[in-house]
Amino acid sequence: MPGRRRGRPGLAGTMARTAVVAGTATAVHGAMTGGKKQAAASQQQAAASQDAAQQQQIDQMQAQLDQAAAQQAAADQQAAVDKAVADALAQQAAAQPAAAAPAVAPPAASVDPVEKLKELAALKEQGVLSDEEFAAAKAKLLGT
């Protein structure tokens, strides 16, 4: 086995060993970096998803606030309309004087006072009415 050296490898062996070590180191570094890149991309995607969810919540809250503001504006407008109607009714009631009050009722029946006196006199002559009752009915009829 002449020609073979024992001990340290030759130039080609050293270069081969260096290439293997460098290749392994590169592969390990690539795997580590690729994993970090993938983890970073995953974190970035999760952050983007979380940001989108937060933005959606903000949009929903803003929509609720807008709806509440619209309802409040409608309630304020309705209150203003109600007040205007009440004021108009009050002015209308003030403009109508006592016309709304019932007028003095006319006598129930137009009774001829002369006829009524004749009837009272007939009742007195028949003895149904006394002198005092006749006088009171006559005074009531004549308004004295």
N, C-alpha and C. Protein backbone atom coordinates (compact mmCIF):
# COMPACT_ATOMS: atom_id res chain seq x y z
N MET A 1 0.81 -1.14 0.00
CA MET A 1 0.00 0.00 0.00
C MET A 1 0.88 1.24 0.00
N PRO A 2 1.67 1.14 -0.98
CA PRO A 2 2.48 2.31 -1.07
C PRO A 2 1.69 3.46 -1.65
N GLY A 3 1.93 4.52 -1.42
CA GLY A 3 1.32 5.71 -1.93
C GLY A 3 0.20 6.26 -1.04
N ARG A 4 -0.09 5.51 -0.08
CA ARG A 4 -1.16 5.99 0.80
C ARG A 4 -0.54 6.58 2.03
N ARG A 5 -1.02 7.68 2.40
CA ARG A 5 -0.47 8.33 3.56
C ARG A 5 -1.32 8.05 4.76
N ARG A 6 -0.65 7.95 5.81
CA ARG A 6 -1.38 7.78 7.05
C ARG A 6 -1.23 9.03 7.87
N GLY A 7 -2.20 9.29 8.64
CA GLY A 7 -2.13 10.48 9.47
C GLY A 7 -3.09 11.52 8.95
N ARG A 8 -2.56 12.59 8.56
CA ARG A 8 -3.42 13.68 8.11
C ARG A 8 -3.84 13.46 6.67
N PRO A 9 -5.09 13.88 6.32
CA PRO A 9 -5.53 13.72 4.94
C PRO A 9 -4.83 14.72 4.05
N GLY A 10 -4.91 14.43 2.79
CA GLY A 10 -4.27 15.31 1.83
C GLY A 10 -5.16 16.50 1.52
N LEU A 11 -4.76 17.22 0.52
CA LEU A 11 -5.48 18.44 0.16
C LEU A 11 -6.90 18.13 -0.28
N ALA A 12 -7.09 17.13 -1.08
CA ALA A 12 -8.43 16.78 -1.57
C ALA A 12 -9.30 16.35 -0.42
N GLY A 13 -8.77 15.59 0.53
CA GLY A 13 -9.56 15.13 1.67
C GLY A 13 -9.98 16.28 2.55
N THR A 14 -9.05 17.21 2.76
CA THR A 14 -9.37 18.37 3.59
C THR A 14 -10.44 19.22 2.93
N MET A 15 -10.34 19.37 1.63
CA MET A 15 -11.34 20.17 0.93
C MET A 15 -12.70 19.48 0.97
N ALA A 16 -12.72 18.16 0.87
CA ALA A 16 -13.97 17.42 0.91
C ALA A 16 -14.62 17.56 2.28
N ARG A 17 -13.77 17.40 3.31
CA ARG A 17 -14.30 17.51 4.66
C ARG A 17 -14.83 18.93 4.90
N THR A 18 -14.14 19.93 4.45
CA THR A 18 -14.58 21.32 4.62
C THR A 18 -15.90 21.56 3.88
N ALA A 19 -16.04 20.99 2.69
CA ALA A 19 -17.27 21.14 1.92
C ALA A 19 -18.44 20.50 2.64
N VAL A 20 -18.20 19.33 3.23
CA VAL A 20 -19.28 18.64 3.97
C VAL A 20 -19.68 19.47 5.17
N VAL A 21 -18.73 19.97 5.90
CA VAL A 21 -19.03 20.76 7.10
C VAL A 21 -19.77 22.03 6.69
N ALA A 22 -19.30 22.70 5.64
CA ALA A 22 -19.94 23.93 5.20
C ALA A 22 -21.35 23.66 4.70
N GLY A 23 -21.53 22.58 3.98
CA GLY A 23 -22.87 22.22 3.48
C GLY A 23 -23.82 21.93 4.63
N THR A 24 -23.33 21.22 5.63
CA THR A 24 -24.17 20.92 6.78
C THR A 24 -24.55 22.20 7.52
N ALA A 25 -23.55 23.06 7.69
CA ALA A 25 -23.81 24.32 8.39
C ALA A 25 -24.82 25.17 7.61
N THR A 26 -24.69 25.19 6.30
CA THR A 26 -25.62 25.95 5.47
C THR A 26 -27.02 25.37 5.56
N ALA A 27 -27.10 24.04 5.54
CA ALA A 27 -28.41 23.39 5.63
C ALA A 27 -29.06 23.67 6.98
N VAL A 28 -28.28 23.60 8.03
CA VAL A 28 -28.82 23.86 9.36
C VAL A 28 -29.25 25.31 9.47
N HIS A 29 -28.40 26.20 8.99
CA HIS A 29 -28.74 27.63 9.04
C HIS A 29 -30.00 27.93 8.21
N GLY A 30 -30.11 27.33 7.05
CA GLY A 30 -31.29 27.52 6.21
C GLY A 30 -32.56 27.01 6.89
N ALA A 31 -32.42 25.85 7.54
CA ALA A 31 -33.58 25.30 8.25
C ALA A 31 -33.98 26.21 9.40
N MET A 32 -33.00 26.72 10.10
CA MET A 32 -33.29 27.61 11.22
C MET A 32 -33.90 28.92 10.72
N THR A 33 -33.31 29.48 9.68
CA THR A 33 -33.80 30.74 9.14
C THR A 33 -35.17 30.55 8.51
N GLY A 34 -35.34 29.45 7.78
CA GLY A 34 -36.65 29.18 7.16
C GLY A 34 -37.73 29.02 8.21
N GLY A 35 -37.41 28.38 9.29
CA GLY A 35 -38.37 28.23 10.38
C GLY A 35 -38.71 29.56 11.00
N LYS A 36 -37.66 30.41 11.14
CA LYS A 36 -37.90 31.74 11.69
C LYS A 36 -38.75 32.57 10.73
N LYS A 37 -38.45 32.44 9.43
CA LYS A 37 -39.23 33.18 8.44
C LYS A 37 -40.68 32.71 8.45
N GLN A 38 -40.85 31.40 8.56
CA GLN A 38 -42.21 30.85 8.58
C GLN A 38 -42.93 31.28 9.85
N ALA A 39 -42.22 31.28 10.98
CA ALA A 39 -42.82 31.71 12.24
C ALA A 39 -43.18 33.19 12.16
N ALA A 40 -42.27 33.99 11.58
CA ALA A 40 -42.53 35.42 11.44
C ALA A 40 -43.74 35.65 10.53
N ALA A 41 -43.82 34.90 9.44
CA ALA A 41 -44.96 35.04 8.53
C ALA A 41 -46.25 34.62 9.23
N SER A 42 -46.16 33.59 10.04
CA SER A 42 -47.34 33.12 10.78
C SER A 42 -47.77 34.18 11.79
N GLN A 43 -46.80 34.78 12.48
CA GLN A 43 -47.12 35.83 13.45
C GLN A 43 -47.71 37.04 12.74
N GLN A 44 -47.15 37.38 11.59
CA GLN A 44 -47.64 38.51 10.83
C GLN A 44 -49.07 38.27 10.36
N GLN A 45 -49.36 37.04 9.95
CA GLN A 45 -50.70 36.68 9.50
C GLN A 45 -51.67 36.74 10.68
N ALA A 46 -51.24 36.25 11.84
CA ALA A 46 -52.09 36.28 13.03
C ALA A 46 -52.37 37.72 13.44
N ALA A 47 -51.34 38.58 13.37
CA ALA A 47 -51.52 39.98 13.72
C ALA A 47 -52.48 40.66 12.76
N ALA A 48 -52.35 40.35 11.47
CA ALA A 48 -53.26 40.92 10.47
C ALA A 48 -54.69 40.46 10.72
N SER A 49 -54.85 39.20 11.08
CA SER A 49 -56.18 38.66 11.36
C SER A 49 -56.77 39.34 12.60
N GLN A 50 -55.93 39.54 13.62
CA GLN A 50 -56.39 40.19 14.84
C GLN A 50 -56.75 41.65 14.56
N ASP A 51 -55.94 42.32 13.74
CA ASP A 51 -56.24 43.70 13.37
C ASP A 51 -57.57 43.78 12.62
N ALA A 52 -57.81 42.83 11.74
CA ALA A 52 -59.07 42.81 10.99
C ALA A 52 -60.26 42.60 11.93
N ALA A 53 -60.09 41.72 12.92
CA ALA A 53 -61.17 41.47 13.89
C ALA A 53 -61.43 42.72 14.73
N GLN A 54 -60.36 43.40 15.14
CA GLN A 54 -60.53 44.63 15.91
C GLN A 54 -61.20 45.71 15.07
N GLN A 55 -60.81 45.81 13.82
CA GLN A 55 -61.42 46.81 12.94
C GLN A 55 -62.91 46.53 12.75
N GLN A 56 -63.25 45.24 12.66
CA GLN A 56 -64.65 44.86 12.51
C GLN A 56 -65.44 45.25 13.77
N GLN A 57 -64.84 45.03 14.95
CA GLN A 57 -65.51 45.41 16.19
C GLN A 57 -65.69 46.93 16.26
N ILE A 58 -64.66 47.66 15.83
CA ILE A 58 -64.75 49.12 15.83
C ILE A 58 -65.86 49.57 14.89
N ASP A 59 -65.94 48.96 13.73
CA ASP A 59 -66.99 49.31 12.76
C ASP A 59 -68.38 49.02 13.33
N GLN A 60 -68.52 47.89 14.02
CA GLN A 60 -69.82 47.55 14.62
C GLN A 60 -70.19 48.56 15.70
N MET A 61 -69.22 48.93 16.54
CA MET A 61 -69.49 49.90 17.60
C MET A 61 -69.87 51.25 17.00
N GLN A 62 -69.18 51.64 15.94
CA GLN A 62 -69.48 52.91 15.29
C GLN A 62 -70.89 52.88 14.70
N ALA A 63 -71.27 51.74 14.13
CA ALA A 63 -72.62 51.61 13.58
C ALA A 63 -73.66 51.73 14.69
N GLN A 64 -73.37 51.13 15.85
CA GLN A 64 -74.31 51.22 16.98
C GLN A 64 -74.41 52.66 17.48
N LEU A 65 -73.27 53.35 17.54
CA LEU A 65 -73.30 54.75 17.96
C LEU A 65 -74.08 55.61 16.97
N ASP A 66 -73.89 55.35 15.68
CA ASP A 66 -74.63 56.10 14.67
C ASP A 66 -76.12 55.85 14.79
N GLN A 67 -76.49 54.59 15.05
CA GLN A 67 -77.91 54.24 15.19
C GLN A 67 -78.50 54.92 16.43
N ALA A 68 -77.75 54.92 17.53
CA ALA A 68 -78.24 55.56 18.76
C ALA A 68 -78.39 57.07 18.54
N ALA A 69 -77.45 57.67 17.82
CA ALA A 69 -77.54 59.11 17.54
C ALA A 69 -78.75 59.41 16.67
N ALA A 70 -79.02 58.55 15.70
CA ALA A 70 -80.18 58.74 14.83
C ALA A 70 -81.48 58.61 15.63
N GLN A 71 -81.53 57.64 16.54
CA GLN A 71 -82.72 57.48 17.37
C GLN A 71 -82.93 58.69 18.27
N GLN A 72 -81.83 59.21 18.84
CA GLN A 72 -81.93 60.39 19.70
C GLN A 72 -82.41 61.59 18.90
N ALA A 73 -81.89 61.74 17.70
CA ALA A 73 -82.32 62.86 16.85
C ALA A 73 -83.80 62.74 16.51
N ALA A 74 -84.25 61.52 16.23
CA ALA A 74 -85.67 61.31 15.93
C ALA A 74 -86.54 61.63 17.14
N ALA A 75 -86.07 61.21 18.33
CA ALA A 75 -86.83 61.50 19.56
C ALA A 75 -86.87 63.00 19.81
N ASP A 76 -85.76 63.70 19.59
CA ASP A 76 -85.74 65.15 19.77
C ASP A 76 -86.69 65.83 18.78
N GLN A 77 -86.69 65.35 17.55
CA GLN A 77 -87.56 65.93 16.53
C GLN A 77 -89.03 65.69 16.89
N GLN A 78 -89.35 64.49 17.38
CA GLN A 78 -90.72 64.17 17.78
C GLN A 78 -91.15 65.06 18.94
N ALA A 79 -90.24 65.29 19.90
CA ALA A 79 -90.56 66.16 21.03
C ALA A 79 -90.83 67.58 20.56
N ALA A 80 -90.05 68.05 19.58
CA ALA A 80 -90.27 69.40 19.05
C ALA A 80 -91.62 69.49 18.35
N VAL A 81 -91.98 68.46 17.61
CA VAL A 81 -93.28 68.43 16.92
C VAL A 81 -94.42 68.42 17.95
N ASP A 82 -94.26 67.58 18.99
CA ASP A 82 -95.29 67.52 20.03
C ASP A 82 -95.47 68.88 20.72
N LYS A 83 -94.36 69.56 20.99
CA LYS A 83 -94.43 70.87 21.63
C LYS A 83 -95.12 71.87 20.72
N ALA A 84 -94.79 71.84 19.43
CA ALA A 84 -95.42 72.76 18.47
C ALA A 84 -96.92 72.53 18.39
N VAL A 85 -97.32 71.26 18.40
CA VAL A 85 -98.76 70.94 18.36
C VAL A 85 -99.45 71.44 19.63
N ALA A 86 -98.80 71.22 20.78
CA ALA A 86 -99.40 71.67 22.04
C ALA A 86 -99.52 73.19 22.06
N ASP A 87 -98.49 73.89 21.57
CA ASP A 87 -98.55 75.35 21.53
C ASP A 87 -99.67 75.82 20.59
N ALA A 88 -99.79 75.17 19.44
CA ALA A 88 -100.84 75.56 18.49
C ALA A 88 -102.23 75.33 19.08
N LEU A 89 -102.40 74.22 19.79
CA LEU A 89 -103.69 73.95 20.42
C LEU A 89 -103.99 74.98 21.51
N ALA A 90 -102.96 75.37 22.26
CA ALA A 90 -103.16 76.37 23.31
C ALA A 90 -103.54 77.72 22.70
N GLN A 91 -102.89 78.10 21.60
CA GLN A 91 -103.23 79.35 20.93
C GLN A 91 -104.65 79.30 20.37
N GLN A 92 -105.01 78.16 19.82
CA GLN A 92 -106.36 78.02 19.26
C GLN A 92 -107.40 78.11 20.37
N ALA A 93 -107.11 77.48 21.50
CA ALA A 93 -108.06 77.52 22.62
C ALA A 93 -108.17 78.94 23.16
N ALA A 94 -107.07 79.68 23.18
CA ALA A 94 -107.10 81.05 23.68
C ALA A 94 -107.86 81.95 22.69
N ALA A 95 -107.78 81.66 21.41
CA ALA A 95 -108.45 82.48 20.40
C ALA A 95 -109.96 82.30 20.43
N GLN A 96 -110.41 81.18 20.87
CA GLN A 96 -111.86 80.93 20.95
C GLN A 96 -112.32 81.33 22.34
N PRO A 97 -113.00 82.46 22.47
CA PRO A 97 -113.44 82.86 23.81
C PRO A 97 -114.51 81.92 24.34
N ALA A 98 -115.37 82.40 25.05
CA ALA A 98 -116.37 81.59 25.71
C ALA A 98 -117.34 80.94 24.74
N ALA A 99 -117.04 80.94 23.47
CA ALA A 99 -117.93 80.33 22.49
C ALA A 99 -118.03 78.83 22.74
N ALA A 100 -116.97 78.26 23.26
CA ALA A 100 -117.00 76.84 23.53
C ALA A 100 -117.85 76.52 24.75
N ALA A 101 -118.06 77.49 25.62
CA ALA A 101 -118.88 77.27 26.80
C ALA A 101 -120.34 77.14 26.38
N PRO A 102 -121.06 76.28 27.04
CA PRO A 102 -122.46 76.10 26.66
C PRO A 102 -123.26 77.37 26.93
N ALA A 103 -124.12 77.69 26.00
CA ALA A 103 -124.98 78.87 26.13
C ALA A 103 -126.08 78.59 27.15
N VAL A 104 -126.69 79.65 27.63
CA VAL A 104 -127.79 79.49 28.58
C VAL A 104 -128.93 78.79 27.85
N ALA A 105 -129.38 77.73 28.44
CA ALA A 105 -130.42 76.94 27.80
C ALA A 105 -131.73 77.71 27.77
N PRO A 106 -132.39 77.71 26.63
CA PRO A 106 -133.69 78.37 26.56
C PRO A 106 -134.71 77.56 27.35
N PRO A 107 -135.82 78.13 27.62
CA PRO A 107 -136.84 77.38 28.37
C PRO A 107 -137.19 76.10 27.64
N ALA A 108 -137.47 75.08 28.40
CA ALA A 108 -137.72 73.76 27.85
C ALA A 108 -138.85 73.79 26.82
N ALA A 109 -139.90 74.45 27.14
CA ALA A 109 -141.02 74.52 26.21
C ALA A 109 -141.54 75.95 26.22
N SER A 110 -141.94 76.39 25.10
CA SER A 110 -142.48 77.76 25.06
C SER A 110 -143.94 77.69 25.54
N VAL A 111 -144.07 77.95 26.82
CA VAL A 111 -145.39 77.89 27.45
C VAL A 111 -145.96 79.32 27.48
N ASP A 112 -147.17 79.40 27.06
CA ASP A 112 -147.85 80.70 27.09
C ASP A 112 -148.23 80.99 28.54
N PRO A 113 -147.73 82.10 29.09
CA PRO A 113 -148.02 82.39 30.51
C PRO A 113 -149.51 82.60 30.79
N VAL A 114 -150.19 83.13 29.83
CA VAL A 114 -151.62 83.36 30.05
C VAL A 114 -152.35 82.04 30.18
N GLU A 115 -152.01 81.07 29.31
CA GLU A 115 -152.63 79.75 29.37
C GLU A 115 -152.32 79.08 30.70
N LYS A 116 -151.07 79.20 31.13
CA LYS A 116 -150.67 78.57 32.39
C LYS A 116 -151.42 79.18 33.57
N LEU A 117 -151.62 80.51 33.54
CA LEU A 117 -152.39 81.18 34.61
C LEU A 117 -153.83 80.70 34.64
N LYS A 118 -154.39 80.50 33.44
CA LYS A 118 -155.77 80.00 33.37
C LYS A 118 -155.87 78.61 33.98
N GLU A 119 -154.84 77.75 33.68
CA GLU A 119 -154.85 76.41 34.25
C GLU A 119 -154.74 76.45 35.77
N LEU A 120 -153.83 77.33 36.27
CA LEU A 120 -153.66 77.46 37.73
C LEU A 120 -154.97 77.96 38.39
N ALA A 121 -155.64 78.90 37.75
CA ALA A 121 -156.90 79.44 38.30
C ALA A 121 -157.97 78.36 38.33
N ALA A 122 -158.00 77.52 37.29
CA ALA A 122 -158.98 76.44 37.25
C ALA A 122 -158.71 75.45 38.38
N LEU A 123 -157.43 75.14 38.61
CA LEU A 123 -157.08 74.21 39.69
C LEU A 123 -157.44 74.80 41.06
N LYS A 124 -157.29 76.13 41.19
CA LYS A 124 -157.63 76.77 42.46
C LYS A 124 -159.14 76.71 42.69
N GLU A 125 -159.92 76.96 41.61
CA GLU A 125 -161.37 76.93 41.73
C GLU A 125 -161.87 75.54 42.05
N GLN A 126 -161.15 74.52 41.55
CA GLN A 126 -161.56 73.14 41.82
C GLN A 126 -161.16 72.72 43.23
N GLY A 127 -160.31 73.52 43.87
CA GLY A 127 -159.89 73.21 45.23
C GLY A 127 -158.62 72.37 45.29
N VAL A 128 -158.01 72.15 44.15
CA VAL A 128 -156.78 71.36 44.14
C VAL A 128 -155.64 72.19 44.72
N LEU A 129 -155.60 73.50 44.42
CA LEU A 129 -154.55 74.37 44.92
C LEU A 129 -155.13 75.28 46.00
N SER A 130 -154.35 75.54 47.01
CA SER A 130 -154.76 76.50 48.04
C SER A 130 -154.37 77.89 47.56
N ASP A 131 -154.79 78.93 48.31
CA ASP A 131 -154.46 80.30 47.94
C ASP A 131 -152.94 80.53 47.96
N GLU A 132 -152.25 79.96 48.94
CA GLU A 132 -150.79 80.12 49.04
C GLU A 132 -150.08 79.42 47.88
N GLU A 133 -150.51 78.20 47.52
CA GLU A 133 -149.90 77.47 46.42
C GLU A 133 -150.13 78.20 45.10
N PHE A 134 -151.35 78.74 44.92
CA PHE A 134 -151.65 79.48 43.71
C PHE A 134 -150.77 80.72 43.61
N ALA A 135 -150.58 81.44 44.70
CA ALA A 135 -149.77 82.66 44.72
C ALA A 135 -148.32 82.32 44.41
N ALA A 136 -147.81 81.24 44.97
CA ALA A 136 -146.41 80.86 44.73
C ALA A 136 -146.21 80.45 43.27
N ALA A 137 -147.13 79.69 42.70
CA ALA A 137 -147.00 79.25 41.31
C ALA A 137 -147.13 80.46 40.36
N LYS A 138 -148.01 81.40 40.70
CA LYS A 138 -148.19 82.58 39.88
C LYS A 138 -146.92 83.44 39.91
N ALA A 139 -146.31 83.59 41.09
CA ALA A 139 -145.08 84.39 41.22
C ALA A 139 -143.92 83.72 40.44
N LYS A 140 -143.86 82.43 40.51
CA LYS A 140 -142.81 81.69 39.79
C LYS A 140 -143.00 81.85 38.30
N LEU A 141 -144.23 81.76 37.84
CA LEU A 141 -144.53 81.86 36.41
C LEU A 141 -144.22 83.26 35.87
N LEU A 142 -144.55 84.25 36.64
CA LEU A 142 -144.34 85.65 36.21
C LEU A 142 -142.93 86.13 36.51
N GLY A 143 -142.18 85.38 37.30
CA GLY A 143 -140.80 85.73 37.63
C GLY A 143 -140.69 86.85 38.63
N THR A 144 -141.66 87.00 39.48
CA THR A 144 -141.61 88.06 40.50
C THR A 144 -141.42 87.49 41.86
